[in-house]
Amino acid sequence: MENIKLSDSQKSFVELANEEGFTNTITRKDIISLQGKHGIKKPAWLMKNLTYRLKRAEYSLPTLGQVMETESSTDSVSDNVEDNVQ
């Protein structure tokens, strides 16, 4: 998965899932369990995006490490472009 850019609410869902022990994958059943336990909304951004879907009712969680790497590499690319333009 390339160019992962998560909003603050998406990051907080991933952090919550990680704290509950879901690091790589999460199922619909697990999401419903998190809803009941923590009162969160169903993460439609995860469940409707085919990029994250592994199989029926199973999804791949983006890791926050991937997100940070993508954001920092995007920053360095834009810095290089600005340097080359000037």
N, C-alpha and C. Protein backbone atom coordinates (compact mmCIF):
# COMPACT_ATOMS: atom_id res chain seq x y z
N MET A 1 0.84 -1.17 0.00
CA MET A 1 0.00 0.00 0.00
C MET A 1 0.88 1.23 0.00
N GLU A 2 0.77 2.01 -1.04
CA GLU A 2 1.59 3.19 -1.15
C GLU A 2 0.78 4.44 -0.88
N ASN A 3 1.49 5.52 -0.51
CA ASN A 3 0.89 6.83 -0.30
C ASN A 3 -0.29 6.79 0.67
N ILE A 4 -0.07 6.21 1.81
CA ILE A 4 -1.11 6.15 2.82
C ILE A 4 -1.15 7.49 3.54
N LYS A 5 -2.29 8.15 3.51
CA LYS A 5 -2.48 9.42 4.19
C LYS A 5 -3.74 9.30 5.02
N LEU A 6 -3.59 9.23 6.34
CA LEU A 6 -4.74 9.04 7.22
C LEU A 6 -5.10 10.34 7.92
N SER A 7 -6.39 10.54 8.11
CA SER A 7 -6.85 11.68 8.90
C SER A 7 -6.62 11.39 10.38
N ASP A 8 -6.84 12.38 11.21
CA ASP A 8 -6.64 12.19 12.65
C ASP A 8 -7.57 11.13 13.22
N SER A 9 -8.83 11.12 12.77
CA SER A 9 -9.76 10.11 13.28
C SER A 9 -9.37 8.71 12.81
N GLN A 10 -8.85 8.60 11.59
CA GLN A 10 -8.39 7.31 11.09
C GLN A 10 -7.18 6.83 11.88
N LYS A 11 -6.26 7.75 12.16
CA LYS A 11 -5.08 7.39 12.95
C LYS A 11 -5.50 6.93 14.35
N SER A 12 -6.48 7.61 14.94
CA SER A 12 -6.91 7.22 16.28
C SER A 12 -7.56 5.84 16.27
N PHE A 13 -8.29 5.50 15.20
CA PHE A 13 -8.86 4.16 15.11
C PHE A 13 -7.75 3.12 15.02
N VAL A 14 -6.75 3.37 14.19
CA VAL A 14 -5.64 2.42 14.04
C VAL A 14 -4.90 2.27 15.36
N GLU A 15 -4.67 3.38 16.07
CA GLU A 15 -4.01 3.31 17.38
C GLU A 15 -4.83 2.49 18.37
N LEU A 16 -6.14 2.72 18.39
CA LEU A 16 -7.02 1.96 19.29
C LEU A 16 -6.99 0.47 18.96
N ALA A 17 -7.06 0.16 17.68
CA ALA A 17 -7.01 -1.25 17.25
C ALA A 17 -5.67 -1.87 17.65
N ASN A 18 -4.58 -1.13 17.48
CA ASN A 18 -3.26 -1.63 17.87
C ASN A 18 -3.18 -1.89 19.37
N GLU A 19 -3.75 -0.97 20.16
CA GLU A 19 -3.75 -1.14 21.62
C GLU A 19 -4.54 -2.38 22.04
N GLU A 20 -5.56 -2.72 21.26
CA GLU A 20 -6.39 -3.89 21.57
C GLU A 20 -5.79 -5.18 21.00
N GLY A 21 -4.62 -5.08 20.37
CA GLY A 21 -3.93 -6.26 19.88
C GLY A 21 -4.08 -6.56 18.40
N PHE A 22 -4.75 -5.69 17.67
CA PHE A 22 -4.92 -5.88 16.22
C PHE A 22 -3.86 -5.05 15.51
N THR A 23 -2.81 -5.71 15.02
CA THR A 23 -1.71 -4.96 14.41
C THR A 23 -1.70 -5.04 12.89
N ASN A 24 -1.99 -6.18 12.33
CA ASN A 24 -1.93 -6.34 10.87
C ASN A 24 -3.30 -6.47 10.23
N THR A 25 -4.15 -7.29 10.83
CA THR A 25 -5.48 -7.51 10.25
C THR A 25 -6.55 -7.34 11.32
N ILE A 26 -7.75 -7.05 10.85
CA ILE A 26 -8.90 -6.92 11.75
C ILE A 26 -10.13 -7.42 11.00
N THR A 27 -11.01 -8.08 11.71
CA THR A 27 -12.23 -8.61 11.08
C THR A 27 -13.42 -7.70 11.40
N ARG A 28 -14.50 -7.89 10.67
CA ARG A 28 -15.72 -7.14 10.94
C ARG A 28 -16.19 -7.41 12.37
N LYS A 29 -16.07 -8.65 12.80
CA LYS A 29 -16.47 -9.03 14.16
C LYS A 29 -15.64 -8.27 15.20
N ASP A 30 -14.34 -8.13 14.94
CA ASP A 30 -13.46 -7.38 15.84
C ASP A 30 -13.85 -5.91 15.89
N ILE A 31 -14.20 -5.35 14.73
CA ILE A 31 -14.61 -3.95 14.66
C ILE A 31 -15.88 -3.73 15.47
N ILE A 32 -16.83 -4.64 15.34
CA ILE A 32 -18.08 -4.54 16.10
C ILE A 32 -17.79 -4.64 17.60
N SER A 33 -16.85 -5.49 17.96
CA SER A 33 -16.45 -5.61 19.36
C SER A 33 -15.86 -4.29 19.88
N LEU A 34 -15.01 -3.66 19.07
CA LEU A 34 -14.44 -2.36 19.45
C LEU A 34 -15.52 -1.30 19.57
N GLN A 35 -16.52 -1.36 18.70
CA GLN A 35 -17.64 -0.42 18.77
C GLN A 35 -18.35 -0.54 20.11
N GLY A 36 -18.65 -1.75 20.51
CA GLY A 36 -19.36 -1.98 21.77
C GLY A 36 -18.53 -1.60 22.98
N LYS A 37 -17.24 -1.87 22.92
CA LYS A 37 -16.36 -1.63 24.05
C LYS A 37 -15.99 -0.16 24.22
N HIS A 38 -15.77 0.54 23.08
CA HIS A 38 -15.26 1.91 23.14
C HIS A 38 -16.22 2.95 22.59
N GLY A 39 -17.35 2.53 22.04
CA GLY A 39 -18.34 3.48 21.53
C GLY A 39 -17.88 4.25 20.30
N ILE A 40 -17.10 3.61 19.45
CA ILE A 40 -16.61 4.27 18.24
C ILE A 40 -17.57 4.03 17.08
N LYS A 41 -17.38 4.81 16.01
CA LYS A 41 -18.16 4.60 14.79
C LYS A 41 -17.48 3.51 13.97
N LYS A 42 -18.26 2.86 13.13
CA LYS A 42 -17.71 1.86 12.22
C LYS A 42 -16.80 2.57 11.22
N PRO A 43 -15.57 2.09 11.02
CA PRO A 43 -14.63 2.76 10.12
C PRO A 43 -14.94 2.46 8.65
N ALA A 44 -15.85 3.22 8.08
CA ALA A 44 -16.25 3.01 6.68
C ALA A 44 -15.06 3.17 5.75
N TRP A 45 -14.14 4.08 6.09
CA TRP A 45 -12.96 4.30 5.26
C TRP A 45 -12.14 3.02 5.10
N LEU A 46 -12.14 2.18 6.11
CA LEU A 46 -11.41 0.92 6.08
C LEU A 46 -12.23 -0.18 5.41
N MET A 47 -13.50 -0.25 5.74
CA MET A 47 -14.34 -1.35 5.30
C MET A 47 -14.78 -1.22 3.84
N LYS A 48 -14.83 -0.01 3.31
CA LYS A 48 -15.29 0.18 1.94
C LYS A 48 -14.15 0.31 0.93
N ASN A 49 -12.95 0.49 1.42
CA ASN A 49 -11.80 0.65 0.54
C ASN A 49 -11.25 -0.73 0.15
N LEU A 50 -11.31 -1.05 -1.12
CA LEU A 50 -10.86 -2.37 -1.59
C LEU A 50 -9.37 -2.60 -1.38
N THR A 51 -8.61 -1.53 -1.23
CA THR A 51 -7.17 -1.66 -0.99
C THR A 51 -6.92 -2.38 0.33
N TYR A 52 -7.75 -2.11 1.33
CA TYR A 52 -7.56 -2.70 2.65
C TYR A 52 -8.24 -4.06 2.80
N ARG A 53 -9.11 -4.41 1.89
CA ARG A 53 -9.88 -5.66 2.01
C ARG A 53 -9.01 -6.86 1.64
N LEU A 54 -8.92 -7.82 2.54
CA LEU A 54 -8.15 -9.04 2.28
C LEU A 54 -9.06 -10.14 1.76
N LYS A 55 -10.17 -10.32 2.42
CA LYS A 55 -11.20 -11.27 2.00
C LYS A 55 -12.48 -10.84 2.68
N ARG A 56 -13.51 -11.63 2.56
CA ARG A 56 -14.80 -11.25 3.13
C ARG A 56 -14.68 -11.00 4.64
N ALA A 57 -15.05 -9.79 5.03
CA ALA A 57 -15.08 -9.38 6.44
C ALA A 57 -13.71 -9.38 7.11
N GLU A 58 -12.63 -9.29 6.34
CA GLU A 58 -11.29 -9.20 6.91
C GLU A 58 -10.52 -8.10 6.19
N TYR A 59 -9.88 -7.24 6.99
CA TYR A 59 -9.23 -6.05 6.45
C TYR A 59 -7.81 -5.93 6.96
N SER A 60 -6.97 -5.33 6.15
CA SER A 60 -5.60 -5.05 6.51
C SER A 60 -5.53 -3.68 7.17
N LEU A 61 -4.94 -3.61 8.34
CA LEU A 61 -4.79 -2.33 9.02
C LEU A 61 -3.51 -1.65 8.55
N PRO A 62 -3.59 -0.38 8.18
CA PRO A 62 -2.34 0.33 7.86
C PRO A 62 -1.54 0.49 9.15
N THR A 63 -0.23 0.39 9.06
CA THR A 63 0.59 0.61 10.24
C THR A 63 0.97 2.07 10.30
N LEU A 64 1.06 2.60 11.49
CA LEU A 64 1.40 4.01 11.64
C LEU A 64 2.83 4.26 11.21
N GLY A 65 3.69 3.25 11.26
CA GLY A 65 5.05 3.39 10.76
C GLY A 65 5.06 3.65 9.26
N GLN A 66 4.20 2.96 8.50
CA GLN A 66 4.08 3.20 7.06
C GLN A 66 3.59 4.61 6.80
N VAL A 67 2.66 5.05 7.61
CA VAL A 67 2.09 6.39 7.43
C VAL A 67 3.17 7.43 7.66
N MET A 68 3.95 7.29 8.72
CA MET A 68 5.00 8.25 9.03
C MET A 68 6.06 8.26 7.93
N GLU A 69 6.47 7.08 7.45
CA GLU A 69 7.46 7.01 6.39
C GLU A 69 6.95 7.69 5.13
N THR A 70 5.70 7.49 4.79
CA THR A 70 5.13 8.09 3.60
C THR A 70 5.07 9.60 3.73
N GLU A 71 4.66 10.10 4.89
CA GLU A 71 4.58 11.54 5.10
C GLU A 71 5.96 12.18 5.03
N SER A 72 6.97 11.55 5.64
CA SER A 72 8.30 12.14 5.63
C SER A 72 8.93 12.06 4.24
N SER A 73 8.68 10.99 3.49
CA SER A 73 9.22 10.90 2.14
C SER A 73 8.54 11.90 1.22
N THR A 74 7.26 12.18 1.44
CA THR A 74 6.56 13.18 0.65
C THR A 74 7.15 14.55 0.93
N ASP A 75 7.46 14.85 2.18
CA ASP A 75 8.07 16.13 2.53
C ASP A 75 9.42 16.29 1.86
N SER A 76 10.25 15.25 1.87
CA SER A 76 11.57 15.36 1.27
C SER A 76 11.49 15.49 -0.24
N VAL A 77 10.51 14.86 -0.87
CA VAL A 77 10.33 14.99 -2.32
C VAL A 77 9.94 16.42 -2.66
N SER A 78 9.03 17.00 -1.89
CA SER A 78 8.61 18.37 -2.17
C SER A 78 9.75 19.34 -1.93
N ASP A 79 10.61 19.08 -0.94
CA ASP A 79 11.78 19.93 -0.71
C ASP A 79 12.73 19.85 -1.90
N ASN A 80 12.95 18.64 -2.42
CA ASN A 80 13.83 18.47 -3.58
C ASN A 80 13.28 19.17 -4.80
N VAL A 81 11.98 19.11 -5.00
CA VAL A 81 11.36 19.77 -6.15
C VAL A 81 11.54 21.27 -6.03
N GLU A 82 11.32 21.82 -4.83
CA GLU A 82 11.49 23.26 -4.63
C GLU A 82 12.93 23.67 -4.88
N ASP A 83 13.90 22.87 -4.42
CA ASP A 83 15.31 23.19 -4.63
C ASP A 83 15.65 23.19 -6.11
N ASN A 84 15.11 22.24 -6.86
CA ASN A 84 15.40 22.13 -8.28
C ASN A 84 14.73 23.23 -9.09
N VAL A 85 13.58 23.70 -8.64
CA VAL A 85 12.85 24.74 -9.37
C VAL A 85 13.56 26.07 -9.23
N GLN A 86 14.13 26.35 -8.07
CA GLN A 86 14.79 27.63 -7.83
C GLN A 86 16.11 27.64 -8.47
